[in-house]
Amino acid sequence: MENKIENEKYLVVSLHDVSPAFAPELKEICQELEIQKIEKKNFLIIPCYQGMLDISRDDYFLGWLHSQIKEGNEPVQHGHQHTLRRYNSAREYFFSLCQGFISRQCAEFRNLKKEKARKKIRAGKKILRRAGINCRGFIPPWWAMSPETNQILKEEGFNYSASLFHLMDYLKDLKIKSEVIFSSQGWSDYWLRAYDFALVKMWSKRNNLVRIALHPFDIHRESSFLFLLKIIKDLKKNRTLTTYLNYLKR
């Protein structure tokens, strides 16, 4: 069920891949967003990046993250390890590569069956709770998940999730149309800029909610990062800055 378009329009800015692995980049991005007066953000937290960096074991990074949450930024569980699973066939591996040239093989929940998805979701949730972080939303890496994963998220008590083109409100059983504006590594970034430009100039005018996704690697490519900052600045003129939970509570 699609949502009805309202008069007031909203903007959500999300910082992806929050992990000790990217601490310097994350802090620098936050500093730049503060300059732009982006005071409300969603932090998409990887519980155990690559199966090696358990966020609950890094006290220094957790101290910084908790301070960000206390300032009003909303934590979101972002998968478990941010890596793809092993493949059961050559066909499955081929199609994973086809979608992975942009996602860089991080679509962790794209093809998971029910019990495997449940196991990984719970493992990530357990780490975050040990870190003192309670996430009411779950957004999978590359916004990609199997139908089974989507069902498990409802059963596990999450309030919402999101894909590339929709925000899913599990409590109200709503599927809200909302594209994501983001950047990417490699030559595909040029195509994504054209896509982002179209979203801002045409499609975003129709949507009640526009989402901007920032990743740690953005800070290393000045032109791409400045491009995203400009989009945020332009959209913020006519939209209310919010977080996912606050948007769904409106």
Foldseek 3Di string as FASTA:
>chain_A
DEDDADPAAAEAEEEEALFPVLVVLVVVVVVVVVVLVQQEHEYAYACQAQVHGHRLPDVVSLVVVVVSVVSHYAYAHAWHHQAADDDPDPVVVVVLVVVCVFLVRRQHAQDDAQVVLLVRVVNSQVSCVSSVHDHLHYAYRQSHHDPNNVVSNLVVRRQWYGHQFWTAGSVVRYTYGEHEQEATDDPCRVVSLVVNVCCLPPVVVRGRYYYYYYYSCQVVPVVSVVSSSVSVSVVVVRHHYDHPVVVVVD
